[in-house]
């Protein structure tokens, strides 16, 4: 149980670290894009070799495929809703100004030193929408991390993927909240609350869930894989590749290799 607690704290600490940096500093937009691309590469390894593969081994291909599609559908539908919420009625104006691109909730402009925040941050709710999205896909991810720890199957690749994806998302989300005029204390407090919730998810996964029937475990693992792959296609990759240039290809490959090496340990 202590191991799962520590893994949860390490994975979720990236949220707090990213939030603190996001409210205090601005980074070059290309660097932000490369961080997102590196996270995407890591998540590709985690969903293929730790989430979906484990789901298949526990429950078979049908159960794993249905669970993955369910996770993808749920995340996609809720993500679309969060994008509309983030825009807060500004979509038409933003599009007209070439200000609305990619996922409205992931406003990297708000955290960039060479861009200005979009209307999704300054007049919308991009930061809160991104916080909700991180929680949405973070709960099944961290449950899956706890399950892998409870079964003694490692989980280092998934831990690394969660950490490197949490960091840039929290950084961008906190910067969006800052652009909206929220105080530093309230911003860090919101991300700290999200981090605490995700730590609890790891502990639950390592405790009650890890001792259940293998076929039942297959469902949350596959659901997490579906949420991750939908998050990659809907949010992380579009934003990274739109603004990062050719360097994001190498960054994505680097994230994949790191997570793959960790999955072998």
Foldseek 3Di string as FASTA:
>chain_A
DVVLLVLLCLLLVLLLVLLLCLLPAAAALLVLLLLLLLLLLLLVQCLVQQQLVLLCVLANDVLLVVLLVVLQVVLVVLQVVLQVQLCVPVVVVCVVVVNDDARSLQFSQLRHPPHHTGCSLQVGQSLVSLLVSCLSLLLLLLLSLLLCVLVVLQSQSSSVSSSSNSNSSSSRSSSSPVSNPDDSVVSSVSSVVSSVSSSVSSNCSNPVVNPDRSNVNSNSSSSSSNNSVSCCVRHRVRSSPVPNPPVSVVSSNNSNVVSVVSSVD
